[in-house]
Amino acid sequence: MEKHRKNNERLKEIYDKALDLFAKNGYDATSMSMIAEVLGTSKPNLYHYCSSKEDLLYRIHLDLLQNNFIPILDEVEDVTDPRERLTTFFRKFTLMATSSPASGLLVHELRSLNQKHQNEIKCIWKRSYKIINDSIKELQQSGKARKGRASFLSFLGAGMVFWINYWFDYSRQINAEELADTLNQVFLNGLLLPDSAND
């Protein structure tokens, strides 16, 4: 048990230090030697935890999704009301995105993963599109949302939250809740018919 705990702590340290270097230098410009040096270890010892730099990037991305994003998806997918499902997803995703620039960096570096790893990661991220798309279709079918191509509306909604990492000021965390409220208000006011928007 103690060995397992220490291993998890070491993995977290490796992921955090590597992610810091990727953010500072860029993924391509960061070598395994640089990561090992920051960790105060040797490259051979670092390879005990991952088989390559690409594998390390994949493991970091998967760890972020498993610990931060998948719990949001699981919770939101259980919400039956489509409007509540949308607002809950946008709020929780916004708060996750504003807590750290890591998700934006990792999404940007998806291209650096091999095809197998890309496909696995994309399958998880695509669950968010399905949540948005299904919710919009349900609102349209019930007569509460404006008519329009659901895929266009879904990508617009996804774009609003996925783009946060590129402009949010991470030194001002106090604004995260306000941003989540603003995003929901702007998107839902545009999507919902007047009577439904005020429900």
N, C-alpha and C. Protein backbone atom coordinates (compact mmCIF):
# COMPACT_ATOMS: atom_id res chain seq x y z
N MET A 1 0.84 -1.21 0.00
CA MET A 1 0.00 0.00 0.00
C MET A 1 0.87 1.26 0.00
N GLU A 2 1.88 1.26 0.87
CA GLU A 2 2.79 2.39 0.96
C GLU A 2 3.58 2.55 -0.34
N LYS A 3 4.00 1.42 -0.91
CA LYS A 3 4.74 1.45 -2.18
C LYS A 3 3.88 2.03 -3.29
N HIS A 4 2.60 1.63 -3.31
CA HIS A 4 1.67 2.13 -4.32
C HIS A 4 1.46 3.63 -4.17
N ARG A 5 1.34 4.09 -2.93
CA ARG A 5 1.15 5.52 -2.67
C ARG A 5 2.35 6.32 -3.13
N LYS A 6 3.54 5.83 -2.82
CA LYS A 6 4.76 6.53 -3.22
C LYS A 6 4.91 6.56 -4.74
N ASN A 7 4.51 5.47 -5.39
CA ASN A 7 4.57 5.41 -6.85
C ASN A 7 3.64 6.45 -7.46
N ASN A 8 2.43 6.57 -6.90
CA ASN A 8 1.47 7.56 -7.39
C ASN A 8 1.98 8.99 -7.18
N GLU A 9 2.62 9.21 -6.04
CA GLU A 9 3.18 10.53 -5.76
C GLU A 9 4.30 10.86 -6.74
N ARG A 10 5.11 9.86 -7.06
CA ARG A 10 6.20 10.07 -8.01
C ARG A 10 5.65 10.34 -9.40
N LEU A 11 4.62 9.60 -9.79
CA LEU A 11 4.01 9.82 -11.10
C LEU A 11 3.45 11.24 -11.20
N LYS A 12 2.79 11.68 -10.14
CA LYS A 12 2.23 13.04 -10.14
C LYS A 12 3.34 14.07 -10.29
N GLU A 13 4.45 13.85 -9.60
CA GLU A 13 5.58 14.77 -9.70
C GLU A 13 6.13 14.80 -11.12
N ILE A 14 6.27 13.63 -11.72
CA ILE A 14 6.77 13.54 -13.10
C ILE A 14 5.83 14.27 -14.05
N TYR A 15 4.53 13.99 -13.93
CA TYR A 15 3.55 14.62 -14.82
C TYR A 15 3.55 16.14 -14.66
N ASP A 16 3.59 16.60 -13.41
CA ASP A 16 3.56 18.05 -13.15
C ASP A 16 4.80 18.75 -13.69
N LYS A 17 5.96 18.17 -13.45
CA LYS A 17 7.22 18.79 -13.91
C LYS A 17 7.31 18.78 -15.43
N ALA A 18 6.91 17.66 -16.03
CA ALA A 18 6.95 17.56 -17.50
C ALA A 18 5.98 18.56 -18.12
N LEU A 19 4.79 18.67 -17.54
CA LEU A 19 3.79 19.59 -18.06
C LEU A 19 4.26 21.04 -17.94
N ASP A 20 4.94 21.35 -16.85
CA ASP A 20 5.50 22.70 -16.68
C ASP A 20 6.51 23.01 -17.78
N LEU A 21 7.35 22.03 -18.10
CA LEU A 21 8.35 22.23 -19.16
C LEU A 21 7.69 22.33 -20.53
N PHE A 22 6.67 21.52 -20.77
CA PHE A 22 5.95 21.61 -22.05
C PHE A 22 5.32 22.99 -22.21
N ALA A 23 4.76 23.51 -21.12
CA ALA A 23 4.13 24.84 -21.16
C ALA A 23 5.17 25.93 -21.37
N LYS A 24 6.32 25.78 -20.76
CA LYS A 24 7.37 26.81 -20.84
C LYS A 24 8.12 26.78 -22.16
N ASN A 25 8.51 25.59 -22.61
CA ASN A 25 9.38 25.46 -23.79
C ASN A 25 8.67 24.97 -25.04
N GLY A 26 7.47 24.40 -24.87
CA GLY A 26 6.82 23.72 -25.97
C GLY A 26 7.17 22.24 -25.92
N TYR A 27 6.26 21.40 -26.36
CA TYR A 27 6.49 19.95 -26.31
C TYR A 27 7.70 19.56 -27.16
N ASP A 28 7.75 20.06 -28.38
CA ASP A 28 8.83 19.66 -29.30
C ASP A 28 10.20 20.05 -28.78
N ALA A 29 10.29 21.18 -28.09
CA ALA A 29 11.59 21.69 -27.63
C ALA A 29 11.99 21.12 -26.27
N THR A 30 11.14 20.30 -25.68
CA THR A 30 11.45 19.70 -24.38
C THR A 30 11.95 18.28 -24.58
N SER A 31 13.13 18.00 -24.08
CA SER A 31 13.72 16.66 -24.21
C SER A 31 13.53 15.86 -22.93
N MET A 32 13.66 14.55 -23.05
CA MET A 32 13.58 13.69 -21.86
C MET A 32 14.73 14.00 -20.90
N SER A 33 15.86 14.42 -21.44
CA SER A 33 17.00 14.80 -20.59
C SER A 33 16.64 16.00 -19.72
N MET A 34 15.93 16.96 -20.30
CA MET A 34 15.51 18.15 -19.55
C MET A 34 14.54 17.76 -18.44
N ILE A 35 13.62 16.86 -18.75
CA ILE A 35 12.64 16.42 -17.75
C ILE A 35 13.34 15.68 -16.62
N ALA A 36 14.27 14.79 -16.98
CA ALA A 36 15.01 14.04 -15.97
C ALA A 36 15.81 14.97 -15.07
N GLU A 37 16.41 16.00 -15.67
CA GLU A 37 17.23 16.94 -14.90
C GLU A 37 16.37 17.69 -13.87
N VAL A 38 15.21 18.17 -14.30
CA VAL A 38 14.32 18.89 -13.39
C VAL A 38 13.85 17.99 -12.25
N LEU A 39 13.69 16.71 -12.55
CA LEU A 39 13.23 15.76 -11.54
C LEU A 39 14.37 15.28 -10.64
N GLY A 40 15.59 15.61 -11.02
CA GLY A 40 16.75 15.16 -10.24
C GLY A 40 16.98 13.67 -10.35
N THR A 41 16.72 13.13 -11.55
CA THR A 41 16.89 11.70 -11.77
C THR A 41 17.61 11.47 -13.09
N SER A 42 17.80 10.24 -13.45
CA SER A 42 18.47 9.91 -14.72
C SER A 42 17.43 9.56 -15.78
N LYS A 43 17.85 9.64 -17.04
CA LYS A 43 16.94 9.25 -18.12
C LYS A 43 16.51 7.79 -18.00
N PRO A 44 17.45 6.87 -17.74
CA PRO A 44 17.03 5.47 -17.59
C PRO A 44 15.97 5.28 -16.50
N ASN A 45 16.10 6.02 -15.40
CA ASN A 45 15.11 5.92 -14.34
C ASN A 45 13.76 6.50 -14.78
N LEU A 46 13.80 7.57 -15.56
CA LEU A 46 12.57 8.17 -16.08
C LEU A 46 11.85 7.21 -17.01
N TYR A 47 12.62 6.45 -17.79
CA TYR A 47 12.02 5.48 -18.72
C TYR A 47 11.39 4.30 -17.98
N HIS A 48 11.61 4.22 -16.69
CA HIS A 48 10.92 3.21 -15.89
C HIS A 48 9.42 3.53 -15.81
N TYR A 49 9.07 4.81 -15.97
CA TYR A 49 7.68 5.26 -15.83
C TYR A 49 6.98 5.47 -17.17
N CYS A 50 7.75 5.58 -18.24
CA CYS A 50 7.16 5.77 -19.58
C CYS A 50 8.15 5.26 -20.62
N SER A 51 7.65 4.87 -21.77
CA SER A 51 8.52 4.28 -22.79
C SER A 51 9.14 5.31 -23.72
N SER A 52 8.57 6.52 -23.75
CA SER A 52 9.06 7.57 -24.65
C SER A 52 8.45 8.91 -24.24
N LYS A 53 8.90 9.98 -24.86
CA LYS A 53 8.30 11.29 -24.57
C LYS A 53 6.85 11.32 -25.04
N GLU A 54 6.57 10.69 -26.16
CA GLU A 54 5.19 10.63 -26.66
C GLU A 54 4.31 9.86 -25.68
N ASP A 55 4.83 8.78 -25.15
CA ASP A 55 4.09 7.98 -24.18
C ASP A 55 3.84 8.78 -22.90
N LEU A 56 4.81 9.59 -22.51
CA LEU A 56 4.65 10.44 -21.33
C LEU A 56 3.56 11.48 -21.56
N LEU A 57 3.55 12.10 -22.73
CA LEU A 57 2.50 13.08 -23.06
C LEU A 57 1.13 12.42 -23.02
N TYR A 58 1.03 11.22 -23.58
CA TYR A 58 -0.22 10.47 -23.58
C TYR A 58 -0.69 10.18 -22.15
N ARG A 59 0.23 9.73 -21.31
CA ARG A 59 -0.11 9.40 -19.92
C ARG A 59 -0.56 10.64 -19.14
N ILE A 60 0.10 11.77 -19.39
CA ILE A 60 -0.29 13.02 -18.74
C ILE A 60 -1.69 13.43 -19.16
N HIS A 61 -1.96 13.34 -20.47
CA HIS A 61 -3.28 13.72 -20.99
C HIS A 61 -4.37 12.81 -20.42
N LEU A 62 -4.09 11.51 -20.42
CA LEU A 62 -5.07 10.55 -19.92
C LEU A 62 -5.32 10.75 -18.42
N ASP A 63 -4.26 11.06 -17.69
CA ASP A 63 -4.39 11.31 -16.25
C ASP A 63 -5.28 12.52 -15.98
N LEU A 64 -5.08 13.59 -16.75
CA LEU A 64 -5.92 14.79 -16.59
C LEU A 64 -7.39 14.46 -16.88
N LEU A 65 -7.63 13.70 -17.93
CA LEU A 65 -9.00 13.36 -18.29
C LEU A 65 -9.65 12.48 -17.22
N GLN A 66 -8.91 11.48 -16.76
CA GLN A 66 -9.47 10.55 -15.77
C GLN A 66 -9.77 11.22 -14.43
N ASN A 67 -8.94 12.16 -14.05
CA ASN A 67 -9.09 12.79 -12.74
C ASN A 67 -9.97 14.04 -12.75
N ASN A 68 -10.05 14.71 -13.89
CA ASN A 68 -10.76 16.00 -13.93
C ASN A 68 -11.95 16.05 -14.89
N PHE A 69 -11.81 15.42 -16.06
CA PHE A 69 -12.84 15.59 -17.09
C PHE A 69 -13.88 14.47 -17.10
N ILE A 70 -13.44 13.23 -17.00
CA ILE A 70 -14.39 12.11 -17.04
C ILE A 70 -15.40 12.18 -15.90
N PRO A 71 -15.00 12.57 -14.67
CA PRO A 71 -16.01 12.72 -13.61
C PRO A 71 -17.09 13.75 -13.97
N ILE A 72 -16.71 14.82 -14.68
CA ILE A 72 -17.69 15.81 -15.13
C ILE A 72 -18.63 15.18 -16.14
N LEU A 73 -18.07 14.46 -17.11
CA LEU A 73 -18.89 13.81 -18.14
C LEU A 73 -19.86 12.82 -17.51
N ASP A 74 -19.36 11.99 -16.60
CA ASP A 74 -20.22 10.99 -15.95
C ASP A 74 -21.37 11.65 -15.20
N GLU A 75 -21.08 12.71 -14.49
CA GLU A 75 -22.12 13.41 -13.73
C GLU A 75 -23.15 14.05 -14.66
N VAL A 76 -22.67 14.74 -15.69
CA VAL A 76 -23.57 15.48 -16.58
C VAL A 76 -24.43 14.54 -17.42
N GLU A 77 -23.87 13.42 -17.84
CA GLU A 77 -24.64 12.47 -18.66
C GLU A 77 -25.82 11.89 -17.90
N ASP A 78 -25.78 11.94 -16.59
CA ASP A 78 -26.89 11.43 -15.78
C ASP A 78 -28.00 12.46 -15.57
N VAL A 79 -27.79 13.70 -16.00
CA VAL A 79 -28.80 14.75 -15.85
C VAL A 79 -29.86 14.57 -16.94
N THR A 80 -31.10 14.42 -16.56
CA THR A 80 -32.15 14.14 -17.55
C THR A 80 -32.67 15.38 -18.27
N ASP A 81 -32.73 16.52 -17.57
CA ASP A 81 -33.24 17.74 -18.19
C ASP A 81 -32.17 18.34 -19.11
N PRO A 82 -32.48 18.53 -20.40
CA PRO A 82 -31.46 18.99 -21.35
C PRO A 82 -30.89 20.37 -21.07
N ARG A 83 -31.75 21.28 -20.58
CA ARG A 83 -31.24 22.62 -20.26
C ARG A 83 -30.28 22.55 -19.08
N GLU A 84 -30.68 21.83 -18.05
CA GLU A 84 -29.82 21.69 -16.87
C GLU A 84 -28.52 20.97 -17.23
N ARG A 85 -28.63 19.99 -18.13
CA ARG A 85 -27.45 19.25 -18.58
C ARG A 85 -26.46 20.18 -19.26
N LEU A 86 -26.97 21.05 -20.14
CA LEU A 86 -26.11 22.02 -20.83
C LEU A 86 -25.45 22.99 -19.86
N THR A 87 -26.26 23.58 -18.99
CA THR A 87 -25.71 24.59 -18.07
C THR A 87 -24.71 23.97 -17.10
N THR A 88 -25.00 22.75 -16.65
CA THR A 88 -24.08 22.08 -15.73
C THR A 88 -22.76 21.77 -16.42
N PHE A 89 -22.86 21.28 -17.67
CA PHE A 89 -21.62 20.96 -18.39
C PHE A 89 -20.79 22.21 -18.64
N PHE A 90 -21.43 23.26 -19.17
CA PHE A 90 -20.68 24.49 -19.46
C PHE A 90 -20.04 25.07 -18.20
N ARG A 91 -20.77 25.04 -17.09
CA ARG A 91 -20.24 25.58 -15.84
C ARG A 91 -19.03 24.77 -15.37
N LYS A 92 -19.20 23.47 -15.28
CA LYS A 92 -18.13 22.63 -14.74
C LYS A 92 -16.92 22.60 -15.67
N PHE A 93 -17.17 22.60 -16.99
CA PHE A 93 -16.04 22.61 -17.92
C PHE A 93 -15.29 23.94 -17.83
N THR A 94 -16.04 25.03 -17.72
CA THR A 94 -15.41 26.36 -17.61
C THR A 94 -14.54 26.44 -16.36
N LEU A 95 -15.05 25.93 -15.25
CA LEU A 95 -14.28 25.96 -14.01
C LEU A 95 -13.04 25.08 -14.10
N MET A 96 -13.15 23.95 -14.81
CA MET A 96 -11.98 23.09 -15.02
C MET A 96 -10.95 23.80 -15.89
N ALA A 97 -11.42 24.39 -16.99
CA ALA A 97 -10.52 25.05 -17.94
C ALA A 97 -9.82 26.25 -17.32
N THR A 98 -10.50 26.95 -16.42
CA THR A 98 -9.91 28.14 -15.81
C THR A 98 -9.03 27.82 -14.60
N SER A 99 -9.07 26.58 -14.15
CA SER A 99 -8.25 26.21 -12.99
C SER A 99 -6.79 26.01 -13.36
N SER A 100 -6.54 25.70 -14.64
CA SER A 100 -5.17 25.46 -15.10
C SER A 100 -5.16 25.50 -16.63
N PRO A 101 -4.06 26.00 -17.22
CA PRO A 101 -3.95 26.01 -18.68
C PRO A 101 -3.60 24.64 -19.26
N ALA A 102 -3.50 23.63 -18.40
CA ALA A 102 -3.04 22.31 -18.84
C ALA A 102 -3.91 21.70 -19.93
N SER A 103 -5.24 21.77 -19.77
CA SER A 103 -6.11 21.13 -20.75
C SER A 103 -5.95 21.74 -22.14
N GLY A 104 -5.79 23.06 -22.21
CA GLY A 104 -5.58 23.71 -23.50
C GLY A 104 -4.28 23.28 -24.15
N LEU A 105 -3.23 23.19 -23.36
CA LEU A 105 -1.93 22.75 -23.87
C LEU A 105 -2.02 21.32 -24.39
N LEU A 106 -2.67 20.45 -23.63
CA LEU A 106 -2.75 19.05 -24.02
C LEU A 106 -3.61 18.84 -25.26
N VAL A 107 -4.70 19.59 -25.37
CA VAL A 107 -5.53 19.50 -26.58
C VAL A 107 -4.72 19.95 -27.80
N HIS A 108 -3.96 21.03 -27.64
CA HIS A 108 -3.12 21.54 -28.73
C HIS A 108 -2.09 20.49 -29.15
N GLU A 109 -1.57 19.74 -28.20
CA GLU A 109 -0.51 18.78 -28.50
C GLU A 109 -1.05 17.39 -28.87
N LEU A 110 -2.35 17.27 -29.06
CA LEU A 110 -2.91 15.99 -29.51
C LEU A 110 -2.22 15.50 -30.78
N ARG A 111 -1.85 16.44 -31.63
CA ARG A 111 -1.21 16.11 -32.91
C ARG A 111 0.13 15.41 -32.71
N SER A 112 0.72 15.56 -31.52
CA SER A 112 2.02 14.95 -31.24
C SER A 112 1.91 13.49 -30.80
N LEU A 113 0.70 13.03 -30.55
CA LEU A 113 0.49 11.64 -30.14
C LEU A 113 0.40 10.73 -31.35
N ASN A 114 0.74 9.46 -31.18
CA ASN A 114 0.56 8.52 -32.28
C ASN A 114 -0.93 8.28 -32.50
N GLN A 115 -1.28 7.66 -33.61
CA GLN A 115 -2.68 7.55 -34.00
C GLN A 115 -3.52 6.78 -32.98
N LYS A 116 -2.96 5.73 -32.43
CA LYS A 116 -3.70 4.94 -31.44
C LYS A 116 -4.03 5.77 -30.20
N HIS A 117 -3.04 6.49 -29.71
CA HIS A 117 -3.25 7.33 -28.53
C HIS A 117 -4.19 8.49 -28.84
N GLN A 118 -4.05 9.08 -30.03
CA GLN A 118 -4.96 10.15 -30.44
C GLN A 118 -6.40 9.68 -30.42
N ASN A 119 -6.64 8.52 -31.01
CA ASN A 119 -8.01 8.00 -31.10
C ASN A 119 -8.61 7.76 -29.72
N GLU A 120 -7.80 7.22 -28.81
CA GLU A 120 -8.29 6.95 -27.45
C GLU A 120 -8.66 8.25 -26.73
N ILE A 121 -7.80 9.25 -26.84
CA ILE A 121 -8.05 10.54 -26.19
C ILE A 121 -9.24 11.25 -26.82
N LYS A 122 -9.31 11.24 -28.15
CA LYS A 122 -10.40 11.93 -28.84
C LYS A 122 -11.76 11.33 -28.49
N CYS A 123 -11.81 10.02 -28.28
CA CYS A 123 -13.08 9.37 -27.92
C CYS A 123 -13.63 9.94 -26.61
N ILE A 124 -12.72 10.27 -25.70
CA ILE A 124 -13.15 10.86 -24.42
C ILE A 124 -13.63 12.29 -24.63
N TRP A 125 -12.84 13.10 -25.35
CA TRP A 125 -13.23 14.49 -25.59
C TRP A 125 -14.54 14.58 -26.37
N LYS A 126 -14.77 13.63 -27.28
CA LYS A 126 -15.98 13.67 -28.11
C LYS A 126 -17.25 13.46 -27.30
N ARG A 127 -17.12 12.89 -26.13
CA ARG A 127 -18.30 12.75 -25.27
C ARG A 127 -18.90 14.11 -24.93
N SER A 128 -18.04 15.13 -24.86
CA SER A 128 -18.55 16.47 -24.54
C SER A 128 -19.40 17.01 -25.69
N TYR A 129 -18.97 16.74 -26.93
CA TYR A 129 -19.76 17.18 -28.09
C TYR A 129 -21.12 16.49 -28.08
N LYS A 130 -21.14 15.20 -27.76
CA LYS A 130 -22.40 14.46 -27.74
C LYS A 130 -23.35 15.02 -26.68
N ILE A 131 -22.80 15.39 -25.54
CA ILE A 131 -23.63 15.99 -24.48
C ILE A 131 -24.29 17.26 -24.99
N ILE A 132 -23.51 18.13 -25.61
CA ILE A 132 -24.03 19.40 -26.12
C ILE A 132 -25.04 19.15 -27.24
N ASN A 133 -24.67 18.30 -28.19
CA ASN A 133 -25.52 18.03 -29.35
C ASN A 133 -26.85 17.38 -28.96
N ASP A 134 -26.80 16.38 -28.12
CA ASP A 134 -28.03 15.70 -27.68
C ASP A 134 -28.94 16.66 -26.92
N SER A 135 -28.35 17.50 -26.08
CA SER A 135 -29.14 18.45 -25.29
C SER A 135 -29.85 19.46 -26.20
N ILE A 136 -29.13 19.96 -27.19
CA ILE A 136 -29.71 20.93 -28.13
C ILE A 136 -30.85 20.29 -28.91
N LYS A 137 -30.64 19.07 -29.39
CA LYS A 137 -31.69 18.38 -30.16
C LYS A 137 -32.93 18.15 -29.30
N GLU A 138 -32.74 17.79 -28.05
CA GLU A 138 -33.88 17.57 -27.16
C GLU A 138 -34.64 18.87 -26.92
N LEU A 139 -33.92 19.96 -26.75
CA LEU A 139 -34.56 21.27 -26.56
C LEU A 139 -35.31 21.70 -27.81
N GLN A 140 -34.75 21.42 -28.97
CA GLN A 140 -35.42 21.76 -30.23
C GLN A 140 -36.69 20.92 -30.41
N GLN A 141 -36.59 19.64 -30.11
CA GLN A 141 -37.73 18.75 -30.28
C GLN A 141 -38.88 19.09 -29.33
N SER A 142 -38.54 19.66 -28.18
CA SER A 142 -39.58 20.04 -27.22
C SER A 142 -40.12 21.45 -27.49
N GLY A 143 -39.60 22.10 -28.52
CA GLY A 143 -40.06 23.44 -28.89
C GLY A 143 -39.50 24.55 -28.02
N LYS A 144 -38.44 24.27 -27.26
CA LYS A 144 -37.87 25.29 -26.37
C LYS A 144 -36.66 26.00 -26.97
N ALA A 145 -36.11 25.43 -28.04
CA ALA A 145 -34.92 26.03 -28.65
C ALA A 145 -35.19 26.43 -30.09
N ARG A 146 -34.46 27.40 -30.55
CA ARG A 146 -34.59 27.87 -31.93
C ARG A 146 -34.21 26.75 -32.89
N LYS A 147 -34.85 26.76 -34.05
CA LYS A 147 -34.50 25.79 -35.08
C LYS A 147 -33.16 26.20 -35.69
N GLY A 148 -32.43 25.24 -36.10
CA GLY A 148 -31.12 25.48 -36.68
C GLY A 148 -30.36 24.17 -36.68
N ARG A 149 -29.33 24.10 -37.48
CA ARG A 149 -28.56 22.86 -37.55
C ARG A 149 -27.90 22.60 -36.19
N ALA A 150 -28.26 21.48 -35.57
CA ALA A 150 -27.76 21.18 -34.22
C ALA A 150 -26.24 21.06 -34.19
N SER A 151 -25.66 20.54 -35.27
CA SER A 151 -24.20 20.39 -35.29
C SER A 151 -23.51 21.75 -35.27
N PHE A 152 -24.06 22.74 -36.00
CA PHE A 152 -23.49 24.10 -35.98
C PHE A 152 -23.55 24.68 -34.57
N LEU A 153 -24.74 24.57 -33.97
CA LEU A 153 -24.94 25.10 -32.62
C LEU A 153 -24.03 24.41 -31.61
N SER A 154 -23.85 23.10 -31.79
CA SER A 154 -23.00 22.33 -30.87
C SER A 154 -21.54 22.75 -30.97
N PHE A 155 -21.06 22.93 -32.20
CA PHE A 155 -19.67 23.35 -32.37
C PHE A 155 -19.45 24.78 -31.87
N LEU A 156 -20.47 25.63 -32.02
CA LEU A 156 -20.36 26.99 -31.47
C LEU A 156 -20.24 26.95 -29.95
N GLY A 157 -21.08 26.12 -29.32
CA GLY A 157 -21.03 25.98 -27.86
C GLY A 157 -19.70 25.39 -27.40
N ALA A 158 -19.26 24.33 -28.10
CA ALA A 158 -17.98 23.71 -27.75
C ALA A 158 -16.83 24.68 -27.94
N GLY A 159 -16.90 25.47 -29.01
CA GLY A 159 -15.84 26.44 -29.27
C GLY A 159 -15.73 27.48 -28.17
N MET A 160 -16.86 27.89 -27.63
CA MET A 160 -16.85 28.88 -26.55
C MET A 160 -16.07 28.38 -25.33
N VAL A 161 -16.27 27.11 -24.97
CA VAL A 161 -15.59 26.60 -23.77
C VAL A 161 -14.17 26.12 -24.07
N PHE A 162 -13.97 25.53 -25.23
CA PHE A 162 -12.64 25.00 -25.54
C PHE A 162 -11.63 26.10 -25.81
N TRP A 163 -12.11 27.28 -26.17
CA TRP A 163 -11.19 28.38 -26.50
C TRP A 163 -10.76 29.17 -25.27
N ILE A 164 -11.39 28.91 -24.14
CA ILE A 164 -11.09 29.65 -22.91
C ILE A 164 -9.60 29.62 -22.58
N ASN A 165 -8.97 28.46 -22.76
CA ASN A 165 -7.55 28.32 -22.40
C ASN A 165 -6.64 29.29 -23.13
N TYR A 166 -7.08 29.77 -24.28
CA TYR A 166 -6.20 30.61 -25.10
C TYR A 166 -6.22 32.08 -24.69
N TRP A 167 -7.19 32.50 -23.89
CA TRP A 167 -7.25 33.92 -23.55
C TRP A 167 -7.48 34.21 -22.06
N PHE A 168 -7.85 33.20 -21.28
CA PHE A 168 -8.17 33.45 -19.87
C PHE A 168 -6.92 33.85 -19.09
N ASP A 169 -7.07 34.83 -18.20
CA ASP A 169 -5.98 35.29 -17.34
C ASP A 169 -5.95 34.41 -16.08
N TYR A 170 -5.00 33.48 -16.04
CA TYR A 170 -4.96 32.51 -14.94
C TYR A 170 -4.51 33.11 -13.61
N SER A 171 -4.10 34.35 -13.63
CA SER A 171 -3.73 35.02 -12.38
C SER A 171 -4.96 35.62 -11.70
N ARG A 172 -6.11 35.52 -12.36
CA ARG A 172 -7.34 36.12 -11.81
C ARG A 172 -8.43 35.05 -11.69
N GLN A 173 -8.17 34.06 -10.84
CA GLN A 173 -9.10 32.95 -10.66
C GLN A 173 -10.47 33.39 -10.13
N ILE A 174 -10.50 34.54 -9.50
CA ILE A 174 -11.76 35.02 -8.93
C ILE A 174 -12.82 35.23 -10.01
N ASN A 175 -12.39 35.38 -11.26
CA ASN A 175 -13.32 35.63 -12.36
C ASN A 175 -13.92 34.36 -12.95
N ALA A 176 -13.51 33.19 -12.49
CA ALA A 176 -13.95 31.94 -13.10
C ALA A 176 -15.46 31.73 -13.00
N GLU A 177 -16.02 31.96 -11.83
CA GLU A 177 -17.47 31.79 -11.64
C GLU A 177 -18.25 32.76 -12.51
N GLU A 178 -17.79 33.99 -12.57
CA GLU A 178 -18.45 35.00 -13.39
C GLU A 178 -18.42 34.61 -14.86
N LEU A 179 -17.28 34.06 -15.29
CA LEU A 179 -17.15 33.63 -16.68
C LEU A 179 -18.11 32.49 -16.99
N ALA A 180 -18.23 31.53 -16.07
CA ALA A 180 -19.14 30.41 -16.26
C ALA A 180 -20.58 30.90 -16.40
N ASP A 181 -20.97 31.85 -15.55
CA ASP A 181 -22.32 32.43 -15.63
C ASP A 181 -22.54 33.17 -16.94
N THR A 182 -21.53 33.93 -17.36
CA THR A 182 -21.64 34.71 -18.60
C THR A 182 -21.76 33.79 -19.81
N LEU A 183 -20.96 32.74 -19.83
CA LEU A 183 -21.00 31.80 -20.96
C LEU A 183 -22.38 31.16 -21.07
N ASN A 184 -22.90 30.69 -19.95
CA ASN A 184 -24.23 30.08 -19.96
C ASN A 184 -25.29 31.06 -20.41
N GLN A 185 -25.22 32.28 -19.91
CA GLN A 185 -26.23 33.29 -20.25
C GLN A 185 -26.20 33.61 -21.74
N VAL A 186 -25.01 33.83 -22.27
CA VAL A 186 -24.88 34.21 -23.68
C VAL A 186 -25.33 33.07 -24.59
N PHE A 187 -24.87 31.85 -24.30
CA PHE A 187 -25.21 30.73 -25.18
C PHE A 187 -26.70 30.39 -25.10
N LEU A 188 -27.23 30.30 -23.90
CA LEU A 188 -28.64 29.91 -23.75
C LEU A 188 -29.59 30.99 -24.24
N ASN A 189 -29.24 32.25 -24.06
CA ASN A 189 -30.10 33.33 -24.57
C ASN A 189 -30.17 33.30 -26.09
N GLY A 190 -29.09 32.86 -26.72
CA GLY A 190 -29.09 32.75 -28.18
C GLY A 190 -29.79 31.50 -28.66
N LEU A 191 -29.72 30.44 -27.86
CA LEU A 191 -30.28 29.15 -28.26
C LEU A 191 -31.77 29.03 -27.98
N LEU A 192 -32.18 29.42 -26.78
CA LEU A 192 -33.55 29.18 -26.35
C LEU A 192 -34.51 30.24 -26.87
N LEU A 193 -35.75 29.83 -27.09
CA LEU A 193 -36.80 30.77 -27.46
C LEU A 193 -37.12 31.64 -26.24
N PRO A 194 -37.60 32.88 -26.46
CA PRO A 194 -37.80 33.84 -25.35
C PRO A 194 -38.51 33.29 -24.13
N ASP A 195 -39.61 32.59 -24.31
CA ASP A 195 -40.36 32.07 -23.16
C ASP A 195 -39.54 31.04 -22.37
N SER A 196 -38.76 30.23 -23.10
CA SER A 196 -37.97 29.18 -22.46
C SER A 196 -36.75 29.74 -21.77
N ALA A 197 -36.19 30.82 -22.31
CA ALA A 197 -34.97 31.41 -21.74
C ALA A 197 -35.20 31.94 -20.34
N ASN A 198 -36.46 32.28 -20.03
CA ASN A 198 -36.77 32.85 -18.72
C ASN A 198 -37.34 31.84 -17.74
N ASP A 199 -37.43 30.58 -18.18
CA ASP A 199 -37.99 29.55 -17.30
C ASP A 199 -37.09 29.32 -16.09
